[in-house]
PDB file of N, CA and C in Angstrom:
ATOM      1  N   MET A   1     116.092 134.449   0.050  1.00  0.00           N
ATOM      2  CA  MET A   1     117.470 133.996   0.658  1.00  0.00           C
ATOM      3  C   MET A   1     117.095 132.476   0.993  1.00  0.00           C
ATOM      4  N   ARG A   2     118.054 131.301   0.500  1.00  0.00           N
ATOM      5  CA  ARG A   2     118.017 130.178   1.050  1.00  0.00           C
ATOM      6  C   ARG A   2     118.176 129.682   2.346  1.00  0.00           C
ATOM      7  N   SER A   3     117.452 129.018   3.152  1.00  0.00           N
ATOM      8  CA  SER A   3     117.462 128.617   4.162  1.00  0.00           C
ATOM      9  C   SER A   3     118.669 127.803   4.378  1.00  0.00           C
ATOM     10  N   GLY A   4     119.491 128.681   5.336  1.00  0.00           N
ATOM     11  CA  GLY A   4     120.634 127.879   6.252  1.00  0.00           C
ATOM     12  C   GLY A   4     121.673 128.728   5.690  1.00  0.00           C
ATOM     13  N   MET A   5     121.644 129.670   4.204  1.00  0.00           N
ATOM     14  CA  MET A   5     122.252 130.714   3.662  1.00  0.00           C
ATOM     15  C   MET A   5     123.419 131.226   4.604  1.00  0.00           C
ATOM     16  N   GLU A   6     124.478 131.238   4.670  1.00  0.00           N
ATOM     17  CA  GLU A   6     125.336 132.386   5.367  1.00  0.00           C
ATOM     18  C   GLU A   6     125.521 133.340   4.899  1.00  0.00           C
ATOM     19  N   VAL A   7     125.633 134.350   5.378  1.00  0.00           N
ATOM     20  CA  VAL A   7     125.606 135.897   4.827  1.00  0.00           C
ATOM     21  C   VAL A   7     126.877 136.546   5.551  1.00  0.00           C
ATOM     22  N   PRO A   8     127.722 136.600   4.920  1.00  0.00           N
ATOM     23  CA  PRO A   8     128.908 136.842   5.229  1.00  0.00           C
ATOM     24  C   PRO A   8     129.075 138.765   5.897  1.00  0.00           C
ATOM     25  N   GLU A   9     129.825 138.981   6.667  1.00  0.00           N
ATOM     26  CA  GLU A   9     130.122 140.079   7.192  1.00  0.00           C
ATOM     27  C   GLU A   9     130.381 141.385   6.546  1.00  0.00           C
ATOM     28  N   LEU A  10     129.800 142.094   6.309  1.00  0.00           N
ATOM     29  CA  LEU A  10     130.254 143.293   4.958  1.00  0.00           C
ATOM     30  C   LEU A  10     130.440 144.245   5.986  1.00  0.00           C
ATOM     31  N   MET A  11     131.904 145.359   6.142  1.00  0.00           N
ATOM     32  CA  MET A  11     132.289 146.218   6.044  1.00  0.00           C
ATOM     33  C   MET A  11     132.212 147.608   5.363  1.00  0.00           C
ATOM     34  N   THR A  12     132.091 148.715   5.797  1.00  0.00           N
ATOM     35  CA  THR A  12     132.588 149.892   5.254  1.00  0.00           C
ATOM     36  C   THR A  12     133.787 150.183   4.661  1.00  0.00           C
ATOM     37  N   ALA A  13     134.047 151.464   3.888  1.00  0.00           N
ATOM     38  CA  ALA A  13     135.697 151.406   3.700  1.00  0.00           C
ATOM     39  C   ALA A  13     136.350 151.963   4.987  1.00  0.00           C
ATOM     40  N   THR A  14     135.672 152.992   5.615  1.00  0.00           N
ATOM     41  CA  THR A  14     136.078 153.376   6.770  1.00  0.00           C
ATOM     42  C   THR A  14     136.460 152.298   7.843  1.00  0.00           C
ATOM     43  N   GLN A  15     135.489 151.415   8.208  1.00  0.00           N
ATOM     44  CA  GLN A  15     135.971 150.450   8.987  1.00  0.00           C
ATOM     45  C   GLN A  15     137.195 149.562   8.851  1.00  0.00           C
ATOM     46  N   VAL A  16     137.312 148.939   7.548  1.00  0.00           N
ATOM     47  CA  VAL A  16     138.677 148.487   6.875  1.00  0.00           C
ATOM     48  C   VAL A  16     139.858 149.512   6.725  1.00  0.00           C
ATOM     49  N   ALA A  17     139.545 150.572   6.484  1.00  0.00           N
ATOM     50  CA  ALA A  17     140.857 151.620   6.318  1.00  0.00           C
ATOM     51  C   ALA A  17     141.318 151.899   8.041  1.00  0.00           C
ATOM     52  N   ARG A  18     140.490 151.614   8.681  1.00  0.00           N
ATOM     53  CA  ARG A  18     140.860 152.029  10.095  1.00  0.00           C
ATOM     54  C   ARG A  18     141.783 150.365  10.819  1.00  0.00           C
ATOM     55  N   ILE A  19     141.156 148.968  10.348  1.00  0.00           N
ATOM     56  CA  ILE A  19     141.738 148.087  11.063  1.00  0.00           C
ATOM     57  C   ILE A  19     143.268 147.636  10.242  1.00  0.00           C
ATOM     58  N   LEU A  20     143.340 148.210   8.691  1.00  0.00           N
ATOM     59  CA  LEU A  20     144.507 148.004   7.546  1.00  0.00           C
ATOM     60  C   LEU A  20     145.339 148.905   8.083  1.00  0.00           C
ATOM     61  N   GLY A  21     145.254 150.476   9.315  1.00  0.00           N
ATOM     62  CA  GLY A  21     145.780 151.646   9.133  1.00  0.00           C
ATOM     63  C   GLY A  21     146.335 152.371   7.925  1.00  0.00           C
ATOM     64  N   VAL A  22     145.290 152.233   6.845  1.00  0.00           N
ATOM     65  CA  VAL A  22     145.280 153.193   5.839  1.00  0.00           C
ATOM     66  C   VAL A  22     144.116 154.117   5.753  1.00  0.00           C
ATOM     67  N   SER A  23     144.172 155.282   4.836  1.00  0.00           N
ATOM     68  CA  SER A  23     143.203 156.249   4.638  1.00  0.00           C
ATOM     69  C   SER A  23     142.039 155.399   3.624  1.00  0.00           C
ATOM     70  N   THR A  24     141.061 155.938   3.942  1.00  0.00           N
ATOM     71  CA  THR A  24     139.981 155.781   2.352  1.00  0.00           C
ATOM     72  C   THR A  24     140.207 156.049   1.324  1.00  0.00           C
ATOM     73  N   GLU A  25     140.940 156.778   1.523  1.00  0.00           N
ATOM     74  CA  GLU A  25     141.642 157.155  -0.018  1.00  0.00           C
ATOM     75  C   GLU A  25     142.281 156.276  -0.699  1.00  0.00           C
ATOM     76  N   THR A  26     143.661 155.551   0.329  1.00  0.00           N
ATOM     77  CA  THR A  26     144.239 154.410  -0.325  1.00  0.00           C
ATOM     78  C   THR A  26     143.474 153.509  -0.680  1.00  0.00           C
ATOM     79  N   LEU A  27     142.182 152.976  -0.567  1.00  0.00           N
ATOM     80  CA  LEU A  27     141.543 151.945  -0.683  1.00  0.00           C
ATOM     81  C   LEU A  27     140.585 152.422  -2.008  1.00  0.00           C
ATOM     82  N   ARG A  28     140.411 153.438  -1.982  1.00  0.00           N
ATOM     83  CA  ARG A  28     140.090 154.303  -3.500  1.00  0.00           C
ATOM     84  C   ARG A  28     140.934 153.823  -4.637  1.00  0.00           C
ATOM     85  N   LYS A  29     142.221 154.177  -4.150  1.00  0.00           N
ATOM     86  CA  LYS A  29     143.129 153.891  -5.181  1.00  0.00           C
ATOM     87  C   LYS A  29     143.224 152.407  -5.476  1.00  0.00           C
ATOM     88  N   TRP A  30     143.574 151.333  -4.204  1.00  0.00           N
ATOM     89  CA  TRP A  30     143.697 150.400  -4.441  1.00  0.00           C
ATOM     90  C   TRP A  30     142.088 149.768  -5.479  1.00  0.00           C
ATOM     91  N   ARG A  31     141.004 150.526  -5.350  1.00  0.00           N
ATOM     92  CA  ARG A  31     140.215 149.598  -6.298  1.00  0.00           C
ATOM     93  C   ARG A  31     140.473 150.005  -7.978  1.00  0.00           C
ATOM     94  N   ALA A  32     140.913 151.175  -7.761  1.00  0.00           N
ATOM     95  CA  ALA A  32     140.884 151.757  -8.828  1.00  0.00           C
ATOM     96  C   ALA A  32     141.854 151.340  -9.618  1.00  0.00           C
ATOM     97  N   LYS A  33     142.931 150.913  -8.953  1.00  0.00           N
ATOM     98  CA  LYS A  33     144.080 149.933  -9.760  1.00  0.00           C
ATOM     99  C   LYS A  33     143.939 148.415  -9.584  1.00  0.00           C
ATOM    100  N   ARG A  34     142.930 148.135  -9.601  1.00  0.00           N
ATOM    101  CA  ARG A  34     142.448 146.708  -8.748  1.00  0.00           C
ATOM    102  C   ARG A  34     143.460 145.633  -8.726  1.00  0.00           C
ATOM    103  N   ARG A  35     143.920 146.402  -7.270  1.00  0.00           N
ATOM    104  CA  ARG A  35     144.518 145.822  -6.129  1.00  0.00           C
ATOM    105  C   ARG A  35     144.168 144.483  -5.738  1.00  0.00           C
ATOM    106  N   CYS A  36     144.896 143.750  -4.883  1.00  0.00           N
ATOM    107  CA  CYS A  36     144.247 142.242  -4.415  1.00  0.00           C
ATOM    108  C   CYS A  36     143.430 142.354  -3.361  1.00  0.00           C
ATOM    109  N   LEU A  37     142.382 143.700  -3.254  1.00  0.00           N
ATOM    110  CA  LEU A  37     141.720 143.366  -1.905  1.00  0.00           C
ATOM    111  C   LEU A  37     140.187 143.324  -2.495  1.00  0.00           C
ATOM    112  N   PRO A  38     139.828 142.166  -2.729  1.00  0.00           N
ATOM    113  CA  PRO A  38     138.188 142.142  -3.086  1.00  0.00           C
ATOM    114  C   PRO A  38     137.202 143.150  -2.557  1.00  0.00           C
ATOM    115  N   TYR A  39     136.300 143.783  -2.957  1.00  0.00           N
ATOM    116  CA  TYR A  39     135.179 144.182  -2.546  1.00  0.00           C
ATOM    117  C   TYR A  39     133.637 143.883  -3.101  1.00  0.00           C
ATOM    118  N   VAL A  40     132.689 144.654  -2.401  1.00  0.00           N
ATOM    119  CA  VAL A  40     131.296 144.228  -3.082  1.00  0.00           C
ATOM    120  C   VAL A  40     130.643 145.560  -3.602  1.00  0.00           C
ATOM    121  N   ARG A  41     129.881 145.404  -4.427  1.00  0.00           N
ATOM    122  CA  ARG A  41     129.239 146.683  -4.846  1.00  0.00           C
ATOM    123  C   ARG A  41     128.044 146.398  -4.703  1.00  0.00           C
ATOM    124  N   VAL A  42     127.223 147.370  -3.320  1.00  0.00           N
ATOM    125  CA  VAL A  42     125.683 147.373  -3.133  1.00  0.00           C
ATOM    126  C   VAL A  42     125.461 148.151  -3.534  1.00  0.00           C
ATOM    127  N   GLY A  43     124.737 148.291  -4.665  1.00  0.00           N
ATOM    128  CA  GLY A  43     123.898 149.796  -5.357  1.00  0.00           C
ATOM    129  C   GLY A  43     125.681 150.937  -5.899  1.00  0.00           C
ATOM    130  N   ARG A  44     124.965 151.580  -5.316  1.00  0.00           N
ATOM    131  CA  ARG A  44     126.450 152.478  -5.187  1.00  0.00           C
ATOM    132  C   ARG A  44     127.474 152.740  -4.085  1.00  0.00           C
ATOM    133  N   HIS A  45     127.165 151.945  -3.365  1.00  0.00           N
ATOM    134  CA  HIS A  45     127.794 151.493  -1.850  1.00  0.00           C
ATOM    135  C   HIS A  45     129.192 150.544  -2.228  1.00  0.00           C
ATOM    136  N   ILE A  46     130.331 150.644  -1.445  1.00  0.00           N
ATOM    137  CA  ILE A  46     131.582 149.961  -1.184  1.00  0.00           C
ATOM    138  C   ILE A  46     131.456 149.351   0.026  1.00  0.00           C
ATOM    139  N   ARG A  47     131.558 147.727  -0.190  1.00  0.00           N
ATOM    140  CA  ARG A  47     131.623 146.851   1.329  1.00  0.00           C
ATOM    141  C   ARG A  47     132.674 145.608   0.999  1.00  0.00           C
ATOM    142  N   TYR A  48     133.672 145.617   2.281  1.00  0.00           N
ATOM    143  CA  TYR A  48     134.101 144.531   1.884  1.00  0.00           C
ATOM    144  C   TYR A  48     133.872 143.316   2.871  1.00  0.00           C
ATOM    145  N   ARG A  49     133.963 142.379   2.745  1.00  0.00           N
ATOM    146  CA  ARG A  49     133.674 140.660   3.548  1.00  0.00           C
ATOM    147  C   ARG A  49     135.030 140.713   4.429  1.00  0.00           C
ATOM    148  N   ALA A  50     134.496 140.873   5.578  1.00  0.00           N
ATOM    149  CA  ALA A  50     135.256 140.287   6.752  1.00  0.00           C
ATOM    150  C   ALA A  50     136.542 139.376   6.015  1.00  0.00           C
ATOM    151  N   ALA A  51     136.290 138.152   5.676  1.00  0.00           N
ATOM    152  CA  ALA A  51     137.372 137.374   5.398  1.00  0.00           C
ATOM    153  C   ALA A  51     138.073 137.388   4.620  1.00  0.00           C
ATOM    154  N   ASP A  52     137.529 138.345   3.581  1.00  0.00           N
ATOM    155  CA  ASP A  52     138.847 138.953   2.258  1.00  0.00           C
ATOM    156  C   ASP A  52     139.312 139.907   2.928  1.00  0.00           C
ATOM    157  N   VAL A  53     138.765 140.545   3.664  1.00  0.00           N
ATOM    158  CA  VAL A  53     140.148 141.460   4.213  1.00  0.00           C
ATOM    159  C   VAL A  53     141.323 140.889   5.439  1.00  0.00           C
ATOM    160  N   ALA A  54     140.637 139.856   6.101  1.00  0.00           N
ATOM    161  CA  ALA A  54     141.372 138.758   6.894  1.00  0.00           C
ATOM    162  C   ALA A  54     142.738 138.003   5.774  1.00  0.00           C
ATOM    163  N   ALA A  55     141.918 137.594   4.888  1.00  0.00           N
ATOM    164  CA  ALA A  55     142.730 136.623   3.529  1.00  0.00           C
ATOM    165  C   ALA A  55     143.848 137.921   3.473  1.00  0.00           C
ATOM    166  N   PHE A  56     143.534 138.872   2.901  1.00  0.00           N
ATOM    167  CA  PHE A  56     144.587 140.048   2.479  1.00  0.00           C
ATOM    168  C   PHE A  56     145.515 140.123   3.203  1.00  0.00           C
ATOM    169  N   VAL A  57     145.364 140.476   4.443  1.00  0.00           N
ATOM    170  CA  VAL A  57     146.444 140.490   5.939  1.00  0.00           C
ATOM    171  C   VAL A  57     147.254 139.218   5.978  1.00  0.00           C
ATOM    172  N   GLU A  58     146.428 138.065   5.715  1.00  0.00           N
ATOM    173  CA  GLU A  58     147.481 136.953   5.926  1.00  0.00           C
ATOM    174  C   GLU A  58     148.483 137.012   4.280  1.00  0.00           C
ATOM    175  N   ARG A  59     147.550 137.195   3.421  1.00  0.00           N
ATOM    176  CA  ARG A  59     148.481 137.216   2.082  1.00  0.00           C
ATOM    177  C   ARG A  59     149.719 138.090   2.108  1.00  0.00           C
ATOM    178  N   GLY A  60     149.863 139.343   3.164  1.00  0.00           N
ATOM    179  CA  GLY A  60     150.988 139.949   2.936  1.00  0.00           C
ATOM    180  C   GLY A  60     151.699 139.652   4.236  1.00  0.00           C
ATOM    181  N   THR A  61     151.597 138.489   5.215  1.00  0.00           N
ATOM    182  CA  THR A  61     152.143 138.425   6.382  1.00  0.00           C
ATOM    183  C   THR A  61     153.763 138.166   6.046  1.00  0.00           C
ATOM    184  N   VAL A  62     154.806 138.448   6.308  1.00  0.00           N
ATOM    185  CA  VAL A  62     155.811 137.724   5.744  1.00  0.00           C
ATOM    186  C   VAL A  62     156.709 137.160   7.242  1.00  0.00           C
ATOM    187  N   MET A  63     156.816 136.193   7.278  1.00  0.00           N
ATOM    188  CA  MET A  63     157.560 135.327   8.304  1.00  0.00           C
ATOM    189  C   MET A  63     158.994 135.434   8.234  1.00  0.00           C
ATOM    190  N   PRO A  64     159.519 135.672   9.023  1.00  0.00           N
ATOM    191  CA  PRO A  64     161.224 135.884   9.441  1.00  0.00           C
ATOM    192  C   PRO A  64     161.714 134.859   9.274  1.00  0.00           C
ATOM    193  N   ALA A  65     162.635 134.512   8.388  1.00  0.00           N
ATOM    194  CA  ALA A  65     163.791 133.334   8.571  1.00  0.00           C
ATOM    195  C   ALA A  65     164.171 132.890   9.258  1.00  0.00           C
TER     196      ALA A  65
END
């Protein structure tokens, strides 16, 4: 790994599901449908970058008129 390279925080599906208030099964369905929440495959494990989860929440934010 290069010196000074920042490694993003990776979260499990359980952690992300808790943050978003959905089930891990919902996250699995979103992955199958290629829904807008990017994920990282680490071997057989699925992980989510904290910045991607935050961006997903921001994209879903609706500002009242």
